[in-house]
Each structure stands twice: as C-alpha cells, then as structure tokens.
Amino acid sequence: MKQRLSLMYLSFILIISSRESSSSIPSNSFIGIPPQDEDYFKREIIKCKNGSKKFTKAQLNDDFCDCPDGTDEPGTSACPLGKFYCKNIGHAPSFQYSSRVNDGICDCCDGSDEYDGKVKCPYTCHEAGKVAMESLKRKIEVYQEGVILRKVEIGLAKRAIARDKAELSGLKNEREVVEKVVHQLE
C-alpha cells in the first residue's frame, strides 16, 4: 500500500512538473510588455486597449485571447493581433507579432521570444548593436560631409549672386547711358 501511494505520488509530481515545463505560458506574466506599459498591467482589473473588454491580472499572458486587440496576450501567441516587446539590451528594442512567440525561430536578438525552452537562442544583441552603431557612424560621417559641401555651395552661390548683381548694376548703368544717347539723337 505504501509503495502504491509512493508510486502514485511520484507519478503525480512527474505529471505536474512535465506540464509546467512544457507549458508555453510564461512564468513571468509581464513578459512581452514594454516598460512604458508595465504600470497599465499592474492593476487587478485591466481594460483591453481598444476598450472592448476587461480582464483580470490572472488572465494576462494565460495563453487564451480575451481581448480582440491582443492586449491581454503580449507574451504568448494566443492573439493574432498581439505584439511582443523584445528588450534587446545592447541593441534597439523592437516589437514582434505575437504569432512569432515560441515558434522555434529566434526573432528577438535577446531570445526572449523563445522562452519555452524548446529552442536555445544565441544572444546576438551586442553584435547587432555594434553593426547598427557602425551604420550610424557612417551616416553621421556622410551627413557631416554633406554639411561641409552645403557650406561650400552656399559660399559659391553667394559669390555668384554678388557677381550677377554687380553685372546687372553695370548693365543698368550702360542702359541709362545708351538711352540718354538715343534720346539726344532723336
């Protein structure tokens, strides 16, 4: 009898632990939520962002779509319109469609979109950040070259305008002289 009870208890623990480890429900209910929205989700009763419904804090990221706009499921793929926030520390934060959460493809450079453990995502944010930084540096260099060229062109244009004004003034003076001569000859 004791062995049977022990076996049942062990079976129960194994079943529970396997369900917990295979579940796609995040252990942190705030996963996929951008920092600026965290206060919005701290209330016990939360409104869908489109105002259509309300849901409880327990329903946040529970893998069941309660809001048509996906407000309640930013960290799961339950809602077709949901958005998942990737922190991507070391690079730029981004949003991914919630349908890409736990799909076996690492979309966030920090791997946060594949939290169920089925896929081990490499942390590539620092490399991506370096590439983005180099790209920005090149853009800044091109911009600075453009600023220098613009100043040169403005200087050339100002000199050309001054030259044209001087020529126009000279032509006006010549015209007056010619008009006086024509007037005298008449």
N, C-alpha and C. Protein backbone atom coordinates (compact mmCIF):
# COMPACT_ATOMS: atom_id res chain seq x y z
N MET A 1 0.82 -1.20 0.00
CA MET A 1 0.00 0.00 0.00
C MET A 1 0.86 1.26 0.00
N LYS A 2 1.92 1.27 0.86
CA LYS A 2 2.80 2.42 0.91
C LYS A 2 3.53 2.60 -0.41
N GLN A 3 3.92 1.48 -1.02
CA GLN A 3 4.62 1.56 -2.31
C GLN A 3 3.70 2.11 -3.38
N ARG A 4 2.46 1.68 -3.32
CA ARG A 4 1.49 2.14 -4.30
C ARG A 4 1.24 3.64 -4.14
N LEU A 5 1.11 4.10 -2.91
CA LEU A 5 0.92 5.53 -2.64
C LEU A 5 2.15 6.32 -3.08
N SER A 6 3.32 5.81 -2.78
CA SER A 6 4.56 6.47 -3.19
C SER A 6 4.65 6.55 -4.71
N LEU A 7 4.27 5.47 -5.37
CA LEU A 7 4.30 5.44 -6.83
C LEU A 7 3.29 6.44 -7.41
N MET A 8 2.11 6.52 -6.82
CA MET A 8 1.11 7.48 -7.28
C MET A 8 1.59 8.91 -7.05
N TYR A 9 2.17 9.16 -5.90
CA TYR A 9 2.69 10.49 -5.58
C TYR A 9 3.79 10.88 -6.55
N LEU A 10 4.70 9.96 -6.82
CA LEU A 10 5.79 10.22 -7.75
C LEU A 10 5.24 10.47 -9.16
N SER A 11 4.25 9.69 -9.57
CA SER A 11 3.63 9.88 -10.89
C SER A 11 2.97 11.25 -10.97
N PHE A 12 2.27 11.63 -9.91
CA PHE A 12 1.61 12.93 -9.86
C PHE A 12 2.63 14.06 -9.99
N ILE A 13 3.73 13.99 -9.28
CA ILE A 13 4.78 15.01 -9.34
C ILE A 13 5.38 15.07 -10.74
N LEU A 14 5.62 13.93 -11.34
CA LEU A 14 6.18 13.90 -12.70
C LEU A 14 5.22 14.52 -13.70
N ILE A 15 3.95 14.21 -13.57
CA ILE A 15 2.95 14.77 -14.49
C ILE A 15 2.89 16.29 -14.34
N ILE A 16 2.83 16.76 -13.11
CA ILE A 16 2.76 18.20 -12.85
C ILE A 16 4.01 18.90 -13.36
N SER A 17 5.17 18.36 -13.06
CA SER A 17 6.41 19.01 -13.49
C SER A 17 6.56 18.99 -15.00
N SER A 18 6.11 17.92 -15.66
CA SER A 18 6.21 17.88 -17.12
C SER A 18 5.24 18.86 -17.75
N ARG A 19 4.07 19.04 -17.16
CA ARG A 19 3.11 20.02 -17.67
C ARG A 19 3.66 21.42 -17.52
N GLU A 20 4.29 21.70 -16.38
CA GLU A 20 4.84 23.03 -16.15
C GLU A 20 5.99 23.33 -17.09
N SER A 21 6.84 22.36 -17.34
CA SER A 21 8.00 22.61 -18.18
C SER A 21 7.62 22.69 -19.65
N SER A 22 6.54 22.01 -20.06
CA SER A 22 6.17 22.05 -21.47
C SER A 22 5.16 23.15 -21.77
N SER A 23 4.66 23.79 -20.76
CA SER A 23 3.68 24.85 -20.96
C SER A 23 4.30 26.04 -21.67
N SER A 24 3.51 26.65 -22.55
CA SER A 24 4.00 27.84 -23.23
C SER A 24 3.58 29.11 -22.50
N ILE A 25 2.93 28.96 -21.37
CA ILE A 25 2.56 30.13 -20.58
C ILE A 25 3.79 30.63 -19.85
N PRO A 26 4.11 31.91 -20.01
CA PRO A 26 5.33 32.43 -19.38
C PRO A 26 5.23 32.43 -17.86
N SER A 27 6.35 32.15 -17.20
CA SER A 27 6.36 32.19 -15.75
C SER A 27 6.29 33.63 -15.26
N ASN A 28 6.81 34.57 -16.03
CA ASN A 28 6.72 35.98 -15.71
C ASN A 28 5.58 36.56 -16.55
N SER A 29 4.46 36.92 -15.90
CA SER A 29 3.30 37.39 -16.66
C SER A 29 3.57 38.71 -17.36
N PHE A 30 4.66 39.41 -17.03
CA PHE A 30 4.96 40.69 -17.67
C PHE A 30 5.86 40.53 -18.89
N ILE A 31 6.12 39.30 -19.31
CA ILE A 31 6.97 39.09 -20.48
C ILE A 31 6.25 39.62 -21.73
N GLY A 32 7.00 40.27 -22.60
CA GLY A 32 6.45 40.82 -23.83
C GLY A 32 5.82 42.19 -23.68
N ILE A 33 5.88 42.75 -22.48
CA ILE A 33 5.26 44.06 -22.22
C ILE A 33 6.34 45.14 -22.22
N PRO A 34 6.15 46.21 -22.99
CA PRO A 34 7.14 47.29 -22.98
C PRO A 34 7.15 48.01 -21.63
N PRO A 35 8.31 48.55 -21.23
CA PRO A 35 8.42 49.21 -19.92
C PRO A 35 7.39 50.31 -19.70
N GLN A 36 7.07 51.06 -20.75
CA GLN A 36 6.12 52.16 -20.59
C GLN A 36 4.70 51.68 -20.32
N ASP A 37 4.41 50.40 -20.56
CA ASP A 37 3.07 49.85 -20.31
C ASP A 37 2.99 49.02 -19.03
N GLU A 38 4.09 48.83 -18.31
CA GLU A 38 4.06 47.97 -17.13
C GLU A 38 3.07 48.45 -16.08
N ASP A 39 2.99 49.75 -15.83
CA ASP A 39 2.03 50.27 -14.85
C ASP A 39 0.59 49.98 -15.28
N TYR A 40 0.33 50.03 -16.57
CA TYR A 40 -1.01 49.75 -17.11
C TYR A 40 -1.45 48.34 -16.73
N PHE A 41 -0.50 47.40 -16.72
CA PHE A 41 -0.83 46.00 -16.45
C PHE A 41 -0.71 45.61 -14.98
N LYS A 42 -0.36 46.53 -14.09
CA LYS A 42 -0.22 46.20 -12.67
C LYS A 42 -1.55 46.19 -11.93
N ARG A 43 -2.59 46.76 -12.52
CA ARG A 43 -3.91 46.78 -11.87
C ARG A 43 -4.51 45.37 -11.84
N GLU A 44 -5.43 45.15 -10.93
CA GLU A 44 -6.09 43.83 -10.84
C GLU A 44 -7.08 43.62 -11.98
N ILE A 45 -7.79 44.69 -12.36
CA ILE A 45 -8.70 44.63 -13.50
C ILE A 45 -8.11 45.54 -14.57
N ILE A 46 -7.90 44.98 -15.74
CA ILE A 46 -7.22 45.69 -16.83
C ILE A 46 -8.16 45.77 -18.03
N LYS A 47 -8.20 46.92 -18.67
CA LYS A 47 -9.02 47.09 -19.87
C LYS A 47 -8.22 46.71 -21.11
N CYS A 48 -8.90 46.12 -22.07
CA CYS A 48 -8.29 45.93 -23.39
C CYS A 48 -8.01 47.33 -23.92
N LYS A 49 -6.92 47.51 -24.62
CA LYS A 49 -6.55 48.85 -25.07
C LYS A 49 -7.57 49.46 -26.03
N ASN A 50 -8.33 48.61 -26.72
CA ASN A 50 -9.36 49.16 -27.60
C ASN A 50 -10.66 49.43 -26.85
N GLY A 51 -10.69 49.18 -25.53
CA GLY A 51 -11.84 49.48 -24.68
C GLY A 51 -12.98 48.48 -24.78
N SER A 52 -12.82 47.41 -25.52
CA SER A 52 -13.91 46.47 -25.76
C SER A 52 -14.25 45.58 -24.57
N LYS A 53 -13.27 45.25 -23.75
CA LYS A 53 -13.48 44.31 -22.63
C LYS A 53 -12.56 44.66 -21.48
N LYS A 54 -12.77 43.93 -20.38
CA LYS A 54 -11.87 43.99 -19.22
C LYS A 54 -11.43 42.56 -18.92
N PHE A 55 -10.26 42.45 -18.32
CA PHE A 55 -9.78 41.13 -17.91
C PHE A 55 -9.00 41.28 -16.61
N THR A 56 -8.83 40.17 -15.90
CA THR A 56 -8.12 40.21 -14.62
C THR A 56 -6.62 40.03 -14.86
N LYS A 57 -5.87 40.41 -13.86
CA LYS A 57 -4.41 40.26 -13.93
C LYS A 57 -4.03 38.79 -14.14
N ALA A 58 -4.82 37.88 -13.59
CA ALA A 58 -4.55 36.45 -13.74
C ALA A 58 -4.71 35.99 -15.20
N GLN A 59 -5.48 36.74 -15.98
CA GLN A 59 -5.69 36.38 -17.38
C GLN A 59 -4.60 36.94 -18.30
N LEU A 60 -3.69 37.74 -17.75
CA LEU A 60 -2.59 38.30 -18.53
C LEU A 60 -1.62 37.19 -18.90
N ASN A 61 -1.36 37.03 -20.17
CA ASN A 61 -0.43 36.01 -20.68
C ASN A 61 -0.80 34.60 -20.21
N ASP A 62 -2.11 34.29 -20.21
CA ASP A 62 -2.54 32.95 -19.81
C ASP A 62 -2.75 32.02 -21.01
N ASP A 63 -2.33 32.47 -22.19
CA ASP A 63 -2.41 31.70 -23.44
C ASP A 63 -3.85 31.53 -23.92
N PHE A 64 -4.74 32.46 -23.53
CA PHE A 64 -6.11 32.48 -24.03
C PHE A 64 -6.42 33.92 -24.39
N CYS A 65 -6.86 34.15 -25.61
CA CYS A 65 -7.09 35.51 -26.11
C CYS A 65 -8.43 36.04 -25.61
N ASP A 66 -8.39 36.97 -24.66
CA ASP A 66 -9.60 37.59 -24.13
C ASP A 66 -9.93 38.89 -24.86
N CYS A 67 -8.91 39.62 -25.31
CA CYS A 67 -9.09 40.91 -25.98
C CYS A 67 -8.93 40.74 -27.49
N PRO A 68 -9.87 41.29 -28.27
CA PRO A 68 -9.74 41.20 -29.73
C PRO A 68 -8.46 41.87 -30.26
N ASP A 69 -7.97 42.87 -29.53
CA ASP A 69 -6.75 43.58 -29.98
C ASP A 69 -5.46 42.94 -29.46
N GLY A 70 -5.58 41.88 -28.66
CA GLY A 70 -4.40 41.17 -28.16
C GLY A 70 -3.75 41.78 -26.94
N THR A 71 -4.40 42.76 -26.30
CA THR A 71 -3.83 43.43 -25.13
C THR A 71 -3.43 42.45 -24.04
N ASP A 72 -4.25 41.43 -23.81
CA ASP A 72 -4.04 40.51 -22.69
C ASP A 72 -2.99 39.44 -22.96
N GLU A 73 -2.49 39.33 -24.19
CA GLU A 73 -1.54 38.26 -24.53
C GLU A 73 -0.29 38.77 -25.25
N PRO A 74 0.42 39.75 -24.68
CA PRO A 74 1.63 40.22 -25.36
C PRO A 74 2.76 39.20 -25.33
N GLY A 75 2.71 38.27 -24.38
CA GLY A 75 3.80 37.31 -24.22
C GLY A 75 3.51 35.91 -24.72
N THR A 76 2.35 35.73 -25.38
CA THR A 76 2.03 34.42 -25.95
C THR A 76 1.56 34.61 -27.39
N SER A 77 1.36 33.52 -28.08
CA SER A 77 0.89 33.60 -29.47
C SER A 77 -0.62 33.38 -29.56
N ALA A 78 -1.34 33.58 -28.46
CA ALA A 78 -2.77 33.29 -28.43
C ALA A 78 -3.61 34.25 -29.27
N CYS A 79 -3.19 35.51 -29.39
CA CYS A 79 -3.98 36.50 -30.12
C CYS A 79 -3.31 36.87 -31.44
N PRO A 80 -4.08 36.85 -32.53
CA PRO A 80 -3.48 37.16 -33.84
C PRO A 80 -3.00 38.60 -33.98
N LEU A 81 -3.58 39.53 -33.23
CA LEU A 81 -3.18 40.94 -33.35
C LEU A 81 -2.19 41.38 -32.27
N GLY A 82 -1.75 40.46 -31.43
CA GLY A 82 -0.86 40.81 -30.32
C GLY A 82 0.54 41.20 -30.78
N LYS A 83 1.19 42.00 -29.95
CA LYS A 83 2.58 42.41 -30.21
C LYS A 83 3.43 42.04 -29.00
N PHE A 84 4.60 41.48 -29.28
CA PHE A 84 5.55 41.06 -28.25
C PHE A 84 6.70 42.05 -28.23
N TYR A 85 7.04 42.55 -27.04
CA TYR A 85 8.13 43.52 -26.89
C TYR A 85 9.44 42.81 -26.58
N CYS A 86 10.44 43.03 -27.40
CA CYS A 86 11.79 42.49 -27.17
C CYS A 86 12.63 43.60 -26.55
N LYS A 87 13.20 43.37 -25.38
CA LYS A 87 14.05 44.39 -24.74
C LYS A 87 15.34 44.60 -25.53
N ASN A 88 15.93 43.52 -26.01
CA ASN A 88 17.13 43.58 -26.85
C ASN A 88 18.22 44.47 -26.25
N ILE A 89 18.55 44.28 -24.99
CA ILE A 89 19.57 45.10 -24.33
C ILE A 89 20.90 44.93 -25.05
N GLY A 90 21.50 46.06 -25.43
CA GLY A 90 22.72 46.05 -26.23
C GLY A 90 22.44 46.42 -27.67
N HIS A 91 21.16 46.51 -28.01
CA HIS A 91 20.71 46.87 -29.35
C HIS A 91 19.40 47.65 -29.19
N ALA A 92 18.66 47.83 -30.24
CA ALA A 92 17.41 48.58 -30.18
C ALA A 92 16.24 47.66 -29.80
N PRO A 93 15.38 48.12 -28.88
CA PRO A 93 14.18 47.34 -28.57
C PRO A 93 13.31 47.22 -29.83
N SER A 94 12.46 46.20 -29.87
CA SER A 94 11.60 46.04 -31.04
C SER A 94 10.32 45.33 -30.65
N PHE A 95 9.36 45.40 -31.54
CA PHE A 95 8.11 44.66 -31.38
C PHE A 95 8.05 43.58 -32.45
N GLN A 96 7.56 42.41 -32.06
CA GLN A 96 7.36 41.30 -32.99
C GLN A 96 5.88 40.91 -32.89
N TYR A 97 5.35 40.38 -33.97
CA TYR A 97 3.99 39.84 -33.89
C TYR A 97 3.99 38.69 -32.89
N SER A 98 2.96 38.65 -32.06
CA SER A 98 2.88 37.59 -31.04
C SER A 98 2.85 36.20 -31.65
N SER A 99 2.44 36.10 -32.90
CA SER A 99 2.43 34.78 -33.56
C SER A 99 3.84 34.21 -33.68
N ARG A 100 4.84 35.05 -33.51
CA ARG A 100 6.23 34.59 -33.60
C ARG A 100 6.79 34.14 -32.25
N VAL A 101 5.99 34.23 -31.20
CA VAL A 101 6.43 33.81 -29.87
C VAL A 101 6.42 32.28 -29.80
N ASN A 102 7.52 31.71 -29.34
CA ASN A 102 7.66 30.26 -29.19
C ASN A 102 7.34 29.49 -30.47
N ASP A 103 7.78 30.05 -31.60
CA ASP A 103 7.56 29.37 -32.88
C ASP A 103 8.79 28.61 -33.35
N GLY A 104 9.83 28.60 -32.52
CA GLY A 104 11.05 27.88 -32.86
C GLY A 104 12.06 28.72 -33.62
N ILE A 105 11.72 29.97 -33.91
CA ILE A 105 12.63 30.88 -34.62
C ILE A 105 12.95 32.05 -33.70
N CYS A 106 14.22 32.33 -33.53
CA CYS A 106 14.67 33.42 -32.65
C CYS A 106 14.52 34.75 -33.39
N ASP A 107 13.48 35.51 -33.05
CA ASP A 107 13.24 36.79 -33.69
C ASP A 107 13.87 37.94 -32.92
N CYS A 108 13.87 37.86 -31.59
CA CYS A 108 14.49 38.88 -30.75
C CYS A 108 15.97 38.53 -30.58
N CYS A 109 16.83 39.53 -30.65
CA CYS A 109 18.27 39.22 -30.52
C CYS A 109 18.62 38.76 -29.10
N ASP A 110 17.72 39.02 -28.13
CA ASP A 110 17.97 38.52 -26.77
C ASP A 110 17.32 37.16 -26.52
N GLY A 111 16.60 36.65 -27.52
CA GLY A 111 15.98 35.33 -27.42
C GLY A 111 14.75 35.27 -26.54
N SER A 112 14.26 36.43 -26.08
CA SER A 112 13.14 36.44 -25.14
C SER A 112 11.84 35.93 -25.75
N ASP A 113 11.73 35.90 -27.07
CA ASP A 113 10.51 35.41 -27.70
C ASP A 113 10.43 33.88 -27.72
N GLU A 114 11.49 33.22 -27.34
CA GLU A 114 11.51 31.74 -27.31
C GLU A 114 11.77 31.26 -25.88
N TYR A 115 10.92 31.68 -24.96
CA TYR A 115 11.14 31.39 -23.54
C TYR A 115 10.71 29.99 -23.12
N ASP A 116 10.04 29.24 -23.99
CA ASP A 116 9.55 27.92 -23.56
C ASP A 116 10.66 26.87 -23.46
N GLY A 117 11.86 27.20 -23.89
CA GLY A 117 13.00 26.30 -23.73
C GLY A 117 13.16 25.28 -24.84
N LYS A 118 12.27 25.27 -25.81
CA LYS A 118 12.38 24.30 -26.91
C LYS A 118 13.51 24.67 -27.85
N VAL A 119 13.84 25.95 -27.90
CA VAL A 119 14.92 26.44 -28.76
C VAL A 119 15.87 27.26 -27.90
N LYS A 120 17.14 27.05 -28.06
CA LYS A 120 18.16 27.83 -27.34
C LYS A 120 18.62 28.94 -28.29
N CYS A 121 18.23 30.16 -28.01
CA CYS A 121 18.58 31.29 -28.87
C CYS A 121 19.91 31.90 -28.43
N PRO A 122 20.80 32.14 -29.38
CA PRO A 122 22.05 32.84 -29.03
C PRO A 122 21.75 34.31 -28.76
N TYR A 123 22.49 34.89 -27.84
CA TYR A 123 22.33 36.31 -27.52
C TYR A 123 23.18 37.11 -28.51
N THR A 124 22.52 37.75 -29.46
CA THR A 124 23.23 38.45 -30.53
C THR A 124 23.06 39.96 -30.48
N CYS A 125 22.49 40.48 -29.40
CA CYS A 125 22.20 41.92 -29.32
C CYS A 125 23.46 42.78 -29.39
N HIS A 126 24.53 42.36 -28.72
CA HIS A 126 25.75 43.18 -28.73
C HIS A 126 26.33 43.26 -30.13
N GLU A 127 26.35 42.14 -30.85
CA GLU A 127 26.85 42.15 -32.23
C GLU A 127 25.97 43.02 -33.11
N ALA A 128 24.65 42.85 -32.98
CA ALA A 128 23.71 43.66 -33.77
C ALA A 128 23.85 45.13 -33.41
N GLY A 129 24.07 45.42 -32.12
CA GLY A 129 24.26 46.80 -31.68
C GLY A 129 25.51 47.41 -32.28
N LYS A 130 26.59 46.62 -32.35
CA LYS A 130 27.83 47.11 -32.96
C LYS A 130 27.62 47.42 -34.44
N VAL A 131 26.94 46.54 -35.15
CA VAL A 131 26.67 46.76 -36.57
C VAL A 131 25.81 48.01 -36.75
N ALA A 132 24.79 48.16 -35.92
CA ALA A 132 23.92 49.35 -36.01
C ALA A 132 24.71 50.61 -35.69
N MET A 133 25.60 50.55 -34.71
CA MET A 133 26.42 51.70 -34.33
C MET A 133 27.35 52.09 -35.48
N GLU A 134 27.96 51.11 -36.12
CA GLU A 134 28.84 51.40 -37.26
C GLU A 134 28.04 52.04 -38.40
N SER A 135 26.86 51.53 -38.63
CA SER A 135 26.00 52.10 -39.67
C SER A 135 25.64 53.55 -39.34
N LEU A 136 25.32 53.81 -38.08
CA LEU A 136 25.02 55.18 -37.66
C LEU A 136 26.24 56.09 -37.80
N LYS A 137 27.41 55.58 -37.45
CA LYS A 137 28.63 56.37 -37.60
C LYS A 137 28.86 56.74 -39.06
N ARG A 138 28.63 55.78 -39.96
CA ARG A 138 28.79 56.07 -41.40
C ARG A 138 27.78 57.12 -41.85
N LYS A 139 26.55 57.01 -41.37
CA LYS A 139 25.53 58.00 -41.73
C LYS A 139 25.92 59.39 -41.22
N ILE A 140 26.45 59.45 -40.00
CA ILE A 140 26.89 60.73 -39.43
C ILE A 140 28.03 61.32 -40.25
N GLU A 141 28.98 60.48 -40.66
CA GLU A 141 30.10 60.95 -41.49
C GLU A 141 29.59 61.51 -42.81
N VAL A 142 28.65 60.80 -43.44
CA VAL A 142 28.08 61.27 -44.70
C VAL A 142 27.35 62.59 -44.48
N TYR A 143 26.61 62.68 -43.39
CA TYR A 143 25.89 63.91 -43.06
C TYR A 143 26.88 65.07 -42.86
N GLN A 144 27.96 64.82 -42.12
CA GLN A 144 28.96 65.86 -41.89
C GLN A 144 29.61 66.30 -43.20
N GLU A 145 29.91 65.35 -44.08
CA GLU A 145 30.44 65.70 -45.40
C GLU A 145 29.43 66.54 -46.17
N GLY A 146 28.17 66.18 -46.06
CA GLY A 146 27.10 66.94 -46.72
C GLY A 146 27.01 68.36 -46.19
N VAL A 147 27.17 68.53 -44.88
CA VAL A 147 27.13 69.87 -44.27
C VAL A 147 28.28 70.71 -44.82
N ILE A 148 29.47 70.13 -44.92
CA ILE A 148 30.64 70.85 -45.46
C ILE A 148 30.38 71.23 -46.92
N LEU A 149 29.90 70.28 -47.73
CA LEU A 149 29.61 70.56 -49.13
C LEU A 149 28.54 71.64 -49.27
N ARG A 150 27.54 71.60 -48.40
CA ARG A 150 26.48 72.60 -48.45
C ARG A 150 27.04 73.99 -48.17
N LYS A 151 27.92 74.09 -47.17
CA LYS A 151 28.54 75.38 -46.85
C LYS A 151 29.36 75.89 -48.04
N VAL A 152 30.10 75.00 -48.68
CA VAL A 152 30.90 75.39 -49.86
C VAL A 152 29.97 75.88 -50.97
N GLU A 153 28.90 75.14 -51.23
CA GLU A 153 27.95 75.52 -52.28
C GLU A 153 27.26 76.84 -51.95
N ILE A 154 26.92 77.05 -50.69
CA ILE A 154 26.31 78.32 -50.29
C ILE A 154 27.28 79.47 -50.53
N GLY A 155 28.55 79.27 -50.18
CA GLY A 155 29.57 80.30 -50.42
C GLY A 155 29.71 80.60 -51.90
N LEU A 156 29.75 79.56 -52.74
CA LEU A 156 29.84 79.75 -54.19
C LEU A 156 28.61 80.48 -54.72
N ALA A 157 27.43 80.10 -54.21
CA ALA A 157 26.20 80.75 -54.65
C ALA A 157 26.18 82.22 -54.25
N LYS A 158 26.64 82.54 -53.04
CA LYS A 158 26.67 83.94 -52.60
C LYS A 158 27.60 84.76 -53.48
N ARG A 159 28.76 84.20 -53.82
CA ARG A 159 29.70 84.91 -54.71
C ARG A 159 29.09 85.09 -56.10
N ALA A 160 28.41 84.05 -56.59
CA ALA A 160 27.77 84.15 -57.91
C ALA A 160 26.68 85.20 -57.90
N ILE A 161 25.91 85.27 -56.84
CA ILE A 161 24.85 86.28 -56.71
C ILE A 161 25.46 87.67 -56.69
N ALA A 162 26.52 87.86 -55.91
CA ALA A 162 27.19 89.17 -55.84
C ALA A 162 27.73 89.55 -57.22
N ARG A 163 28.32 88.59 -57.92
CA ARG A 163 28.86 88.84 -59.27
C ARG A 163 27.73 89.21 -60.23
N ASP A 164 26.61 88.48 -60.15
CA ASP A 164 25.47 88.76 -61.03
C ASP A 164 24.86 90.13 -60.72
N LYS A 165 24.79 90.48 -59.42
CA LYS A 165 24.27 91.80 -59.05
C LYS A 165 25.16 92.91 -59.59
N ALA A 166 26.47 92.72 -59.48
CA ALA A 166 27.41 93.72 -60.00
C ALA A 166 27.26 93.85 -61.51
N GLU A 167 27.13 92.71 -62.20
CA GLU A 167 26.96 92.74 -63.66
C GLU A 167 25.65 93.42 -64.03
N LEU A 168 24.58 93.11 -63.29
CA LEU A 168 23.28 93.73 -63.54
C LEU A 168 23.35 95.23 -63.33
N SER A 169 24.01 95.64 -62.26
CA SER A 169 24.17 97.07 -61.98
C SER A 169 24.92 97.75 -63.12
N GLY A 170 25.99 97.11 -63.59
CA GLY A 170 26.76 97.66 -64.71
C GLY A 170 25.91 97.75 -65.97
N LEU A 171 25.11 96.74 -66.25
CA LEU A 171 24.24 96.76 -67.43
C LEU A 171 23.18 97.84 -67.31
N LYS A 172 22.65 98.05 -66.11
CA LYS A 172 21.66 99.11 -65.91
C LYS A 172 22.28 100.48 -66.18
N ASN A 173 23.52 100.66 -65.69
CA ASN A 173 24.21 101.93 -65.94
C ASN A 173 24.44 102.12 -67.43
N GLU A 174 24.87 101.08 -68.13
CA GLU A 174 25.08 101.16 -69.58
C GLU A 174 23.78 101.49 -70.29
N ARG A 175 22.69 100.88 -69.84
CA ARG A 175 21.38 101.11 -70.45
C ARG A 175 20.99 102.58 -70.32
N GLU A 176 21.22 103.13 -69.12
CA GLU A 176 20.89 104.54 -68.92
C GLU A 176 21.70 105.43 -69.86
N VAL A 177 22.98 105.12 -70.01
CA VAL A 177 23.85 105.91 -70.90
C VAL A 177 23.35 105.78 -72.33
N VAL A 178 23.05 104.56 -72.76
CA VAL A 178 22.58 104.33 -74.13
C VAL A 178 21.25 105.02 -74.36
N GLU A 179 20.34 104.96 -73.37
CA GLU A 179 19.03 105.61 -73.50
C GLU A 179 19.20 107.13 -73.63
N LYS A 180 20.17 107.70 -72.88
CA LYS A 180 20.41 109.15 -72.98
C LYS A 180 20.93 109.50 -74.38
N VAL A 181 21.82 108.67 -74.90
CA VAL A 181 22.37 108.92 -76.24
C VAL A 181 21.25 108.81 -77.28
N VAL A 182 20.41 107.79 -77.16
CA VAL A 182 19.29 107.60 -78.08
C VAL A 182 18.35 108.79 -77.98
N HIS A 183 18.11 109.26 -76.80
CA HIS A 183 17.20 110.37 -76.56
C HIS A 183 17.77 111.64 -77.19
N GLN A 184 19.08 111.83 -77.12
CA GLN A 184 19.72 113.01 -77.70
C GLN A 184 19.68 112.94 -79.22
N LEU A 185 19.79 111.78 -79.76
CA LEU A 185 19.79 111.63 -81.21
C LEU A 185 18.39 111.81 -81.80
N GLU A 186 17.41 111.69 -81.09
CA GLU A 186 16.05 111.84 -81.58
C GLU A 186 15.73 113.26 -81.72
